[in-house]
C-alpha atoms as a PDB file:
ATOM      1  CA  UNK A   1    -123.911 226.084  48.470  1.00  0.00           C
ATOM      2  CA  UNK A   2    -121.384 224.586  50.893  1.00  0.00           C
ATOM      3  CA  UNK A   3    -122.567 223.584  54.369  1.00  0.00           C
ATOM      4  CA  UNK A   4    -121.222 225.753  57.200  1.00  0.00           C
ATOM      5  CA  UNK A   5    -118.665 224.228  59.586  1.00  0.00           C
ATOM      6  CA  UNK A   6    -117.503 225.938  62.769  1.00  0.00           C
ATOM      7  CA  UNK A   7    -114.073 224.916  64.099  1.00  0.00           C
ATOM      8  CA  UNK A   8    -113.747 225.253  67.882  1.00  0.00           C
ATOM      9  CA  UNK A   9    -110.277 225.104  69.421  1.00  0.00           C
ATOM     10  CA  UNK A  10    -109.306 223.595  72.751  1.00  0.00           C
ATOM     11  CA  UNK A  11    -108.191 225.163  76.023  1.00  0.00           C
ATOM     12  CA  UNK A  12    -105.156 227.444  75.709  1.00  0.00           C
ATOM     13  CA  UNK A  13    -105.482 227.118  71.943  1.00  0.00           C
ATOM     14  CA  UNK A  14    -106.629 229.431  69.179  1.00  0.00           C
ATOM     15  CA  UNK A  15    -108.232 229.334  65.769  1.00  0.00           C
ATOM     16  CA  UNK A  16    -104.729 229.560  64.284  1.00  0.00           C
ATOM     17  CA  UNK A  17    -104.240 225.878  65.165  1.00  0.00           C
ATOM     18  CA  UNK A  18    -106.694 224.992  62.432  1.00  0.00           C
ATOM     19  CA  UNK A  19    -104.905 226.599  59.474  1.00  0.00           C
ATOM     20  CA  UNK A  20    -103.886 223.230  57.940  1.00  0.00           C
ATOM     21  CA  UNK A  21    -107.385 221.815  58.540  1.00  0.00           C
ATOM     22  CA  UNK A  22    -109.035 224.849  56.942  1.00  0.00           C
ATOM     23  CA  UNK A  23    -106.930 224.314  53.827  1.00  0.00           C
ATOM     24  CA  UNK A  24    -108.161 220.717  53.622  1.00  0.00           C
ATOM     25  CA  UNK A  25    -111.841 221.494  54.245  1.00  0.00           C
ATOM     26  CA  UNK A  26    -112.457 224.820  52.548  1.00  0.00           C
ATOM     27  CA  UNK A  27    -113.452 223.266  49.216  1.00  0.00           C
ATOM     28  CA  UNK A  28    -116.254 221.285  50.869  1.00  0.00           C
ATOM     29  CA  UNK A  29    -117.383 223.576  53.710  1.00  0.00           C
ATOM     30  CA  UNK A  30    -117.976 227.225  54.424  1.00  0.00           C
ATOM     31  CA  UNK A  31    -115.472 227.471  57.279  1.00  0.00           C
ATOM     32  CA  UNK A  32    -116.125 229.558  60.386  1.00  0.00           C
ATOM     33  CA  UNK A  33    -113.786 230.085  63.329  1.00  0.00           C
ATOM     34  CA  UNK A  34    -113.545 232.146  66.470  1.00  0.00           C
ATOM     35  CA  UNK A  35    -111.242 232.540  69.431  1.00  0.00           C
ATOM     36  CA  UNK A  36    -112.891 231.948  72.778  1.00  0.00           C
ATOM     37  CA  UNK A  37    -112.428 234.769  75.269  1.00  0.00           C
ATOM     38  CA  UNK A  38    -109.024 234.593  76.898  1.00  0.00           C
ATOM     39  CA  UNK A  39    -107.613 232.628  73.936  1.00  0.00           C
ATOM     40  CA  UNK A  40    -105.715 233.632  70.812  1.00  0.00           C
ATOM     41  CA  UNK A  41    -105.517 237.289  71.779  1.00  0.00           C
ATOM     42  CA  UNK A  42    -109.249 237.637  72.484  1.00  0.00           C
ATOM     43  CA  UNK A  43    -109.913 239.651  75.645  1.00  0.00           C
ATOM     44  CA  UNK A  44    -110.760 237.745  78.808  1.00  0.00           C
ATOM     45  CA  UNK A  45    -114.421 237.772  79.797  1.00  0.00           C
ATOM     46  CA  UNK A  46    -115.753 238.049  83.316  1.00  0.00           C
ATOM     47  CA  UNK A  47    -116.627 234.346  83.310  1.00  0.00           C
ATOM     48  CA  UNK A  48    -114.457 231.458  82.151  1.00  0.00           C
ATOM     49  CA  UNK A  49    -116.729 228.481  81.591  1.00  0.00           C
ATOM     50  CA  UNK A  50    -118.178 226.172  78.976  1.00  0.00           C
ATOM     51  CA  UNK A  51    -121.451 228.098  79.251  1.00  0.00           C
ATOM     52  CA  UNK A  52    -119.618 231.375  78.552  1.00  0.00           C
ATOM     53  CA  UNK A  53    -117.847 229.903  75.536  1.00  0.00           C
ATOM     54  CA  UNK A  54    -121.160 228.477  74.278  1.00  0.00           C
ATOM     55  CA  UNK A  55    -122.709 231.939  74.559  1.00  0.00           C
ATOM     56  CA  UNK A  56    -119.812 233.291  72.492  1.00  0.00           C
ATOM     57  CA  UNK A  57    -120.610 230.705  69.807  1.00  0.00           C
ATOM     58  CA  UNK A  58    -124.299 231.678  69.868  1.00  0.00           C
ATOM     59  CA  UNK A  59    -123.313 235.343  69.560  1.00  0.00           C
ATOM     60  CA  UNK A  60    -121.081 234.478  66.594  1.00  0.00           C
ATOM     61  CA  UNK A  61    -123.887 232.528  64.914  1.00  0.00           C
ATOM     62  CA  UNK A  62    -126.344 235.376  65.459  1.00  0.00           C
ATOM     63  CA  UNK A  63    -123.895 238.042  64.229  1.00  0.00           C
ATOM     64  CA  UNK A  64    -123.275 236.032  61.058  1.00  0.00           C
ATOM     65  CA  UNK A  65    -126.972 235.156  60.634  1.00  0.00           C
ATOM     66  CA  UNK A  66    -126.309 231.407  60.782  1.00  0.00           C
ATOM     67  CA  UNK A  67    -129.400 229.501  61.865  1.00  0.00           C
ATOM     68  CA  UNK A  68    -127.759 226.084  62.300  1.00  0.00           C
ATOM     69  CA  UNK A  69    -124.254 224.760  61.789  1.00  0.00           C
ATOM     70  CA  UNK A  70    -121.973 221.727  61.844  1.00  0.00           C
ATOM     71  CA  UNK A  71    -119.313 221.950  64.547  1.00  0.00           C
ATOM     72  CA  UNK A  72    -115.900 220.352  64.842  1.00  0.00           C
ATOM     73  CA  UNK A  73    -114.698 220.704  68.415  1.00  0.00           C
ATOM     74  CA  UNK A  74    -111.185 219.888  69.521  1.00  0.00           C
ATOM     75  CA  UNK A  75    -110.900 218.967  73.208  1.00  0.00           C
ATOM     76  CA  UNK A  76    -112.609 221.783  75.142  1.00  0.00           C
ATOM     77  CA  UNK A  77    -114.207 222.924  71.884  1.00  0.00           C
ATOM     78  CA  UNK A  78    -115.934 219.538  71.813  1.00  0.00           C
ATOM     79  CA  UNK A  79    -117.426 220.193  75.253  1.00  0.00           C
ATOM     80  CA  UNK A  80    -118.729 223.534  74.036  1.00  0.00           C
ATOM     81  CA  UNK A  81    -120.296 221.837  71.006  1.00  0.00           C
ATOM     82  CA  UNK A  82    -121.923 219.180  73.190  1.00  0.00           C
ATOM     83  CA  UNK A  83    -123.265 221.816  75.586  1.00  0.00           C
ATOM     84  CA  UNK A  84    -124.768 223.665  72.634  1.00  0.00           C
ATOM     85  CA  UNK A  85    -126.356 220.497  71.276  1.00  0.00           C
ATOM     86  CA  UNK A  86    -127.921 219.797  74.669  1.00  0.00           C
ATOM     87  CA  UNK A  87    -129.235 223.324  75.241  1.00  0.00           C
ATOM     88  CA  UNK A  88    -129.767 224.579  71.661  1.00  0.00           C
ATOM     89  CA  UNK A  89    -130.331 221.481  69.490  1.00  0.00           C
ATOM     90  CA  UNK A  90    -132.096 223.544  66.834  1.00  0.00           C
ATOM     91  CA  UNK A  91    -128.826 225.400  66.106  1.00  0.00           C
ATOM     92  CA  UNK A  92    -126.687 222.288  65.527  1.00  0.00           C
ATOM     93  CA  UNK A  93    -126.662 220.039  62.454  1.00  0.00           C
ATOM     94  CA  UNK A  94    -123.827 217.646  63.385  1.00  0.00           C
ATOM     95  CA  UNK A  95    -120.992 217.555  65.881  1.00  0.00           C
ATOM     96  CA  UNK A  96    -117.564 216.093  65.305  1.00  0.00           C
ATOM     97  CA  UNK A  97    -115.166 215.924  68.242  1.00  0.00           C
ATOM     98  CA  UNK A  98    -111.527 215.030  68.642  1.00  0.00           C
ATOM     99  CA  UNK A  99    -109.720 214.567  71.969  1.00  0.00           C
ATOM    100  CA  UNK A 100    -112.848 215.361  73.966  1.00  0.00           C
ATOM    101  CA  UNK A 101    -112.865 213.177  77.076  1.00  0.00           C
ATOM    102  CA  UNK A 102    -116.209 211.615  77.930  1.00  0.00           C
ATOM    103  CA  UNK A 103    -115.261 210.879  81.532  1.00  0.00           C
ATOM    104  CA  UNK A 104    -113.494 213.483  83.631  1.00  0.00           C
ATOM    105  CA  UNK A 105    -112.506 213.386  87.288  1.00  0.00           C
ATOM    106  CA  UNK A 106    -109.765 214.895  89.462  1.00  0.00           C
ATOM    107  CA  UNK A 107    -107.633 211.747  89.069  1.00  0.00           C
ATOM    108  CA  UNK A 108    -108.033 211.742  85.268  1.00  0.00           C
ATOM    109  CA  UNK A 109    -107.226 215.470  85.202  1.00  0.00           C
ATOM    110  CA  UNK A 110    -104.050 214.790  87.198  1.00  0.00           C
ATOM    111  CA  UNK A 111    -102.965 212.068  84.751  1.00  0.00           C
ATOM    112  CA  UNK A 112    -103.663 214.309  81.750  1.00  0.00           C
ATOM    113  CA  UNK A 113    -101.747 217.182  83.324  1.00  0.00           C
ATOM    114  CA  UNK A 114     -98.794 214.897  83.991  1.00  0.00           C
ATOM    115  CA  UNK A 115     -98.853 213.582  80.414  1.00  0.00           C
ATOM    116  CA  UNK A 116     -99.116 217.134  79.051  1.00  0.00           C
ATOM    117  CA  UNK A 117     -96.147 218.355  81.094  1.00  0.00           C
ATOM    118  CA  UNK A 118     -94.099 215.351  80.029  1.00  0.00           C
ATOM    119  CA  UNK A 119     -94.959 215.905  76.367  1.00  0.00           C
ATOM    120  CA  UNK A 120     -93.807 219.499  76.745  1.00  0.00           C
ATOM    121  CA  UNK A 121     -90.596 218.356  78.440  1.00  0.00           C
ATOM    122  CA  UNK A 122     -89.905 215.720  75.791  1.00  0.00           C
ATOM    123  CA  UNK A 123     -90.584 218.200  73.006  1.00  0.00           C
ATOM    124  CA  UNK A 124     -88.302 220.800  74.597  1.00  0.00           C
ATOM    125  CA  UNK A 125     -85.604 218.193  75.202  1.00  0.00           C
ATOM    126  CA  UNK A 126     -85.721 217.034  71.611  1.00  0.00           C
ATOM    127  CA  UNK A 127     -85.836 220.581  70.278  1.00  0.00           C
ATOM    128  CA  UNK A 128     -82.867 221.657  72.348  1.00  0.00           C
ATOM    129  CA  UNK A 129     -80.866 218.521  71.629  1.00  0.00           C
ATOM    130  CA  UNK A 130     -80.777 217.652  75.321  1.00  0.00           C
ATOM    131  CA  UNK A 131     -81.151 214.260  76.917  1.00  0.00           C
ATOM    132  CA  UNK A 132     -81.953 213.086  80.426  1.00  0.00           C
ATOM    133  CA  UNK A 133     -78.334 213.257  81.566  1.00  0.00           C
ATOM    134  CA  UNK A 134     -77.595 216.794  80.358  1.00  0.00           C
ATOM    135  CA  UNK A 135     -80.971 218.504  80.828  1.00  0.00           C
ATOM    136  CA  UNK A 136     -81.425 220.373  84.119  1.00  0.00           C
ATOM    137  CA  UNK A 137     -85.060 219.228  84.159  1.00  0.00           C
ATOM    138  CA  UNK A 138     -83.958 215.587  84.263  1.00  0.00           C
ATOM    139  CA  UNK A 139     -86.147 214.958  87.295  1.00  0.00           C
ATOM    140  CA  UNK A 140     -88.950 214.450  84.761  1.00  0.00           C
ATOM    141  CA  UNK A 141     -87.087 211.771  82.841  1.00  0.00           C
ATOM    142  CA  UNK A 142     -88.578 208.319  83.137  1.00  0.00           C
ATOM    143  CA  UNK A 143     -91.921 209.653  84.361  1.00  0.00           C
ATOM    144  CA  UNK A 144     -93.483 209.736  80.928  1.00  0.00           C
ATOM    145  CA  UNK A 145     -96.233 207.112  80.713  1.00  0.00           C
ATOM    146  CA  UNK A 146     -99.312 206.834  78.570  1.00  0.00           C
ATOM    147  CA  UNK A 147    -102.440 206.731  80.715  1.00  0.00           C
ATOM    148  CA  UNK A 148    -104.155 203.374  80.841  1.00  0.00           C
END
């Protein structure tokens, strides 16, 4: 019997992001996925918080009669997994995280937001064949920096 593994997406993401990962892991794990409320077409809940998303995971586990599970959490999904491990350690076997920040503050959030917007701009520029001289959003050019 394969061990169960729950894949938790990040903010503004969806379980669809994990399609390539599912293909790689499905021979070794019983894969489980869900969309958090307000993500991937799932209806928005009254609350939008890590605690709410953790409750959604607990509901999923209970509905599928899963006593304990391994969790891979990407970004915000990692925070949900960590919250669950802290408050419901009996339900978690192991946690794997990727791109889950351990230190978060308003200044770090600002840097991450800036980097995210610049990645989006650079992607759009490349996709549209534009450069800094011809793109109307050129005010962003030269602002792209990796956070230190």
